[in-house]
Amino acid sequence: MFAYPSYEDAAHGLAGFGRLGAPLAPEGVLRGAAPAEAEPALGPAARAGFLMERQ
């Protein structure tokens, strides 16, 4: 999980990893409760994020 404080920041990070050919999960940017559901250890500042398939 790559966690960010905003959707915009997460989308920017996702695009950068995509340009590098990283194995990104097909879900794209997660927001709302989804980041904490994917990674329960995240704190409340993590409002968006994305996953890699093989991390």
PDB file of N, CA and C in Angstrom:
ATOM      1  N   MET A   1       0.846  -1.168   0.000  1.00  0.00           N
ATOM      2  CA  MET A   1       0.000   0.000   0.000  1.00  0.00           C
ATOM      3  C   MET A   1       0.892   1.231   0.000  1.00  0.00           C
ATOM      4  N   PHE A   2       0.662   2.097  -0.931  1.00  0.00           N
ATOM      5  CA  PHE A   2       1.286   3.412  -0.957  1.00  0.00           C
ATOM      6  C   PHE A   2       0.190   4.382  -0.553  1.00  0.00           C
ATOM      7  N   ALA A   3       0.311   4.977   0.607  1.00  0.00           N
ATOM      8  CA  ALA A   3      -0.745   5.819   1.172  1.00  0.00           C
ATOM      9  C   ALA A   3      -0.398   7.296   1.027  1.00  0.00           C
ATOM     10  N   TYR A   4      -1.429   8.102   0.816  1.00  0.00           N
ATOM     11  CA  TYR A   4      -1.278   9.539   0.594  1.00  0.00           C
ATOM     12  C   TYR A   4      -2.373  10.297   1.341  1.00  0.00           C
ATOM     13  N   PRO A   5      -2.154  11.585   1.586  1.00  0.00           N
ATOM     14  CA  PRO A   5      -3.165  12.366   2.301  1.00  0.00           C
ATOM     15  C   PRO A   5      -4.335  12.825   1.434  1.00  0.00           C
ATOM     16  N   SER A   6      -4.217  12.696   0.100  1.00  0.00           N
ATOM     17  CA  SER A   6      -5.308  13.137  -0.765  1.00  0.00           C
ATOM     18  C   SER A   6      -5.382  12.270  -2.020  1.00  0.00           C
ATOM     19  N   TYR A   7      -6.550  12.302  -2.649  1.00  0.00           N
ATOM     20  CA  TYR A   7      -6.737  11.574  -3.904  1.00  0.00           C
ATOM     21  C   TYR A   7      -5.781  12.101  -4.977  1.00  0.00           C
ATOM     22  N   GLU A   8      -5.627  13.403  -5.047  1.00  0.00           N
ATOM     23  CA  GLU A   8      -4.759  13.999  -6.062  1.00  0.00           C
ATOM     24  C   GLU A   8      -3.318  13.528  -5.911  1.00  0.00           C
ATOM     25  N   ASP A   9      -2.830  13.490  -4.675  1.00  0.00           N
ATOM     26  CA  ASP A   9      -1.465  13.010  -4.432  1.00  0.00           C
ATOM     27  C   ASP A   9      -1.325  11.544  -4.821  1.00  0.00           C
ATOM     28  N   ALA A  10      -2.313  10.738  -4.472  1.00  0.00           N
ATOM     29  CA  ALA A  10      -2.270   9.314  -4.803  1.00  0.00           C
ATOM     30  C   ALA A  10      -2.323   9.110  -6.311  1.00  0.00           C
ATOM     31  N   ALA A  11      -3.159   9.865  -7.006  1.00  0.00           N
ATOM     32  CA  ALA A  11      -3.254   9.744  -8.464  1.00  0.00           C
ATOM     33  C   ALA A  11      -1.934  10.120  -9.123  1.00  0.00           C
ATOM     34  N   HIS A  12      -1.270  11.139  -8.597  1.00  0.00           N
ATOM     35  CA  HIS A  12       0.030  11.550  -9.124  1.00  0.00           C
ATOM     36  C   HIS A  12       1.062  10.436  -8.912  1.00  0.00           C
ATOM     37  N   GLY A  13       1.078   9.855  -7.721  1.00  0.00           N
ATOM     38  CA  GLY A  13       1.995   8.753  -7.433  1.00  0.00           C
ATOM     39  C   GLY A  13       1.716   7.535  -8.296  1.00  0.00           C
ATOM     40  N   LEU A  14       0.446   7.209  -8.468  1.00  0.00           N
ATOM     41  CA  LEU A  14       0.055   6.070  -9.296  1.00  0.00           C
ATOM     42  C   LEU A  14       0.519   6.266 -10.736  1.00  0.00           C
ATOM     43  N   ALA A  15       0.338   7.470 -11.266  1.00  0.00           N
ATOM     44  CA  ALA A  15       0.760   7.755 -12.637  1.00  0.00           C
ATOM     45  C   ALA A  15       2.273   7.595 -12.781  1.00  0.00           C
ATOM     46  N   GLY A  16       3.019   8.060 -11.786  1.00  0.00           N
ATOM     47  CA  GLY A  16       4.474   7.939 -11.835  1.00  0.00           C
ATOM     48  C   GLY A  16       4.925   6.489 -11.822  1.00  0.00           C
ATOM     49  N   PHE A  17       4.347   5.688 -10.951  1.00  0.00           N
ATOM     50  CA  PHE A  17       4.696   4.266 -10.917  1.00  0.00           C
ATOM     51  C   PHE A  17       4.262   3.580 -12.206  1.00  0.00           C
ATOM     52  N   GLY A  18       3.131   3.990 -12.760  1.00  0.00           N
ATOM     53  CA  GLY A  18       2.669   3.425 -14.023  1.00  0.00           C
ATOM     54  C   GLY A  18       3.650   3.696 -15.154  1.00  0.00           C
ATOM     55  N   ARG A  19       4.219   4.906 -15.190  1.00  0.00           N
ATOM     56  CA  ARG A  19       5.206   5.235 -16.219  1.00  0.00           C
ATOM     57  C   ARG A  19       6.463   4.388 -16.087  1.00  0.00           C
ATOM     58  N   LEU A  20       6.744   3.937 -14.878  1.00  0.00           N
ATOM     59  CA  LEU A  20       7.916   3.083 -14.648  1.00  0.00           C
ATOM     60  C   LEU A  20       7.644   1.616 -14.968  1.00  0.00           C
ATOM     61  N   GLY A  21       6.387   1.294 -15.280  1.00  0.00           N
ATOM     62  CA  GLY A  21       6.036  -0.090 -15.584  1.00  0.00           C
ATOM     63  C   GLY A  21       5.835  -0.949 -14.349  1.00  0.00           C
ATOM     64  N   ALA A  22       5.552  -0.334 -13.215  1.00  0.00           N
ATOM     65  CA  ALA A  22       5.339  -1.081 -11.971  1.00  0.00           C
ATOM     66  C   ALA A  22       4.089  -1.957 -12.092  1.00  0.00           C
ATOM     67  N   PRO A  23       4.089  -3.101 -11.404  1.00  0.00           N
ATOM     68  CA  PRO A  23       2.933  -4.008 -11.454  1.00  0.00           C
ATOM     69  C   PRO A  23       1.790  -3.517 -10.557  1.00  0.00           C
ATOM     70  N   LEU A  24       1.053  -2.527 -11.015  1.00  0.00           N
ATOM     71  CA  LEU A  24       0.000  -1.911 -10.216  1.00  0.00           C
ATOM     72  C   LEU A  24      -1.245  -2.772 -10.182  1.00  0.00           C
ATOM     73  N   ALA A  25      -1.913  -2.774  -9.044  1.00  0.00           N
ATOM     74  CA  ALA A  25      -3.171  -3.498  -8.902  1.00  0.00           C
ATOM     75  C   ALA A  25      -4.232  -2.808  -9.764  1.00  0.00           C
ATOM     76  N   PRO A  26      -5.169  -3.560 -10.317  1.00  0.00           N
ATOM     77  CA  PRO A  26      -6.159  -2.982 -11.229  1.00  0.00           C
ATOM     78  C   PRO A  26      -7.167  -2.040 -10.564  1.00  0.00           C
ATOM     79  N   GLU A  27      -7.227  -1.998  -9.253  1.00  0.00           N
ATOM     80  CA  GLU A  27      -8.198  -1.138  -8.571  1.00  0.00           C
ATOM     81  C   GLU A  27      -7.938   0.342  -8.769  1.00  0.00           C
ATOM     82  N   GLY A  28      -6.709   0.710  -9.103  1.00  0.00           N
ATOM     83  CA  GLY A  28      -6.368   2.126  -9.223  1.00  0.00           C
ATOM     84  C   GLY A  28      -6.293   2.777  -7.862  1.00  0.00           C
ATOM     85  N   VAL A  29      -6.673   4.049  -7.773  1.00  0.00           N
ATOM     86  CA  VAL A  29      -6.594   4.784  -6.517  1.00  0.00           C
ATOM     87  C   VAL A  29      -7.760   4.385  -5.614  1.00  0.00           C
ATOM     88  N   LEU A  30      -7.417   4.011  -4.400  1.00  0.00           N
ATOM     89  CA  LEU A  30      -8.414   3.694  -3.380  1.00  0.00           C
ATOM     90  C   LEU A  30      -8.639   4.938  -2.542  1.00  0.00           C
ATOM     91  N   ARG A  31      -9.875   5.182  -2.153  1.00  0.00           N
ATOM     92  CA  ARG A  31     -10.147   6.329  -1.275  1.00  0.00           C
ATOM     93  C   ARG A  31     -11.266   6.004  -0.319  1.00  0.00           C
ATOM     94  N   GLY A  32     -11.525   6.926   0.569  1.00  0.00           N
ATOM     95  CA  GLY A  32     -12.533   6.674   1.599  1.00  0.00           C
ATOM     96  C   GLY A  32     -11.999   5.666   2.600  1.00  0.00           C
ATOM     97  N   ALA A  33     -12.783   4.661   2.922  1.00  0.00           N
ATOM     98  CA  ALA A  33     -12.379   3.628   3.880  1.00  0.00           C
ATOM     99  C   ALA A  33     -11.515   2.549   3.238  1.00  0.00           C
ATOM    100  N   ALA A  34     -11.447   2.508   1.921  1.00  0.00           N
ATOM    101  CA  ALA A  34     -10.741   1.427   1.222  1.00  0.00           C
ATOM    102  C   ALA A  34      -9.261   1.297   1.583  1.00  0.00           C
ATOM    103  N   PRO A  35      -8.489   2.387   1.710  1.00  0.00           N
ATOM    104  CA  PRO A  35      -7.080   2.202   2.099  1.00  0.00           C
ATOM    105  C   PRO A  35      -6.930   1.510   3.454  1.00  0.00           C
ATOM    106  N   ALA A  36      -7.719   1.909   4.444  1.00  0.00           N
ATOM    107  CA  ALA A  36      -7.631   1.291   5.776  1.00  0.00           C
ATOM    108  C   ALA A  36      -8.127  -0.147   5.757  1.00  0.00           C
ATOM    109  N   GLU A  37      -9.073  -0.458   4.883  1.00  0.00           N
ATOM    110  CA  GLU A  37      -9.532  -1.843   4.756  1.00  0.00           C
ATOM    111  C   GLU A  37      -8.437  -2.710   4.144  1.00  0.00           C
ATOM    112  N   ALA A  38      -7.678  -2.150   3.206  1.00  0.00           N
ATOM    113  CA  ALA A  38      -6.585  -2.898   2.575  1.00  0.00           C
ATOM    114  C   ALA A  38      -5.381  -3.024   3.497  1.00  0.00           C
ATOM    115  N   GLU A  39      -5.155  -2.016   4.330  1.00  0.00           N
ATOM    116  CA  GLU A  39      -4.016  -2.004   5.253  1.00  0.00           C
ATOM    117  C   GLU A  39      -4.469  -1.405   6.578  1.00  0.00           C
ATOM    118  N   PRO A  40      -4.942  -2.254   7.516  1.00  0.00           N
ATOM    119  CA  PRO A  40      -5.509  -1.770   8.779  1.00  0.00           C
ATOM    120  C   PRO A  40      -4.564  -0.934   9.640  1.00  0.00           C
ATOM    121  N   ALA A  41      -3.267  -1.014   9.432  1.00  0.00           N
ATOM    122  CA  ALA A  41      -2.320  -0.256  10.249  1.00  0.00           C
ATOM    123  C   ALA A  41      -2.253   1.224   9.873  1.00  0.00           C
ATOM    124  N   LEU A  42      -2.893   1.628   8.803  1.00  0.00           N
ATOM    125  CA  LEU A  42      -2.847   3.029   8.380  1.00  0.00           C
ATOM    126  C   LEU A  42      -3.578   3.927   9.368  1.00  0.00           C
ATOM    127  N   GLY A  43      -3.051   5.113   9.542  1.00  0.00           N
ATOM    128  CA  GLY A  43      -3.685   6.099  10.410  1.00  0.00           C
ATOM    129  C   GLY A  43      -4.696   6.937   9.641  1.00  0.00           C
ATOM    130  N   PRO A  44      -5.363   7.844  10.325  1.00  0.00           N
ATOM    131  CA  PRO A  44      -6.420   8.645   9.706  1.00  0.00           C
ATOM    132  C   PRO A  44      -5.929   9.626   8.642  1.00  0.00           C
ATOM    133  N   ALA A  45      -4.645   9.934   8.616  1.00  0.00           N
ATOM    134  CA  ALA A  45      -4.124  10.856   7.603  1.00  0.00           C
ATOM    135  C   ALA A  45      -4.070  10.218   6.224  1.00  0.00           C
ATOM    136  N   ALA A  46      -4.112   8.895   6.156  1.00  0.00           N
ATOM    137  CA  ALA A  46      -4.075   8.187   4.876  1.00  0.00           C
ATOM    138  C   ALA A  46      -5.483   8.154   4.301  1.00  0.00           C
ATOM    139  N   ARG A  47      -5.761   9.062   3.398  1.00  0.00           N
ATOM    140  CA  ARG A  47      -7.103   9.185   2.837  1.00  0.00           C
ATOM    141  C   ARG A  47      -7.234   8.603   1.444  1.00  0.00           C
ATOM    142  N   ALA A  48      -6.088   8.218   0.842  1.00  0.00           N
ATOM    143  CA  ALA A  48      -6.103   7.618  -0.486  1.00  0.00           C
ATOM    144  C   ALA A  48      -4.820   6.817  -0.645  1.00  0.00           C
ATOM    145  N   GLY A  49      -4.805   5.934  -1.619  1.00  0.00           N
ATOM    146  CA  GLY A  49      -3.606   5.143  -1.856  1.00  0.00           C
ATOM    147  C   GLY A  49      -3.822   4.165  -2.982  1.00  0.00           C
ATOM    148  N   PHE A  50      -2.799   3.382  -3.254  1.00  0.00           N
ATOM    149  CA  PHE A  50      -2.896   2.356  -4.282  1.00  0.00           C
ATOM    150  C   PHE A  50      -2.009   1.179  -3.907  1.00  0.00           C
ATOM    151  N   LEU A  51      -2.278   0.076  -4.555  1.00  0.00           N
ATOM    152  CA  LEU A  51      -1.567  -1.172  -4.292  1.00  0.00           C
ATOM    153  C   LEU A  51      -0.747  -1.598  -5.508  1.00  0.00           C
ATOM    154  N   MET A  52       0.301  -2.354  -5.243  1.00  0.00           N
ATOM    155  CA  MET A  52       1.026  -3.034  -6.304  1.00  0.00           C
ATOM    156  C   MET A  52       0.673  -4.500  -6.209  1.00  0.00           C
ATOM    157  N   GLU A  53       0.681  -5.179  -7.336  1.00  0.00           N
ATOM    158  CA  GLU A  53       0.314  -6.590  -7.337  1.00  0.00           C
ATOM    159  C   GLU A  53       1.326  -7.452  -6.606  1.00  0.00           C
ATOM    160  N   ARG A  54       2.598  -7.205  -6.787  1.00  0.00           N
ATOM    161  CA  ARG A  54       3.634  -7.995  -6.135  1.00  0.00           C
ATOM    162  C   ARG A  54       4.491  -7.061  -5.298  1.00  0.00           C
ATOM    163  N   GLN A  55       4.073  -6.847  -4.083  1.00  0.00           N
ATOM    164  CA  GLN A  55       4.790  -5.922  -3.210  1.00  0.00           C
ATOM    165  C   GLN A  55       5.413  -6.665  -2.066  1.00  0.00           C
TER     166      GLN A  55
END
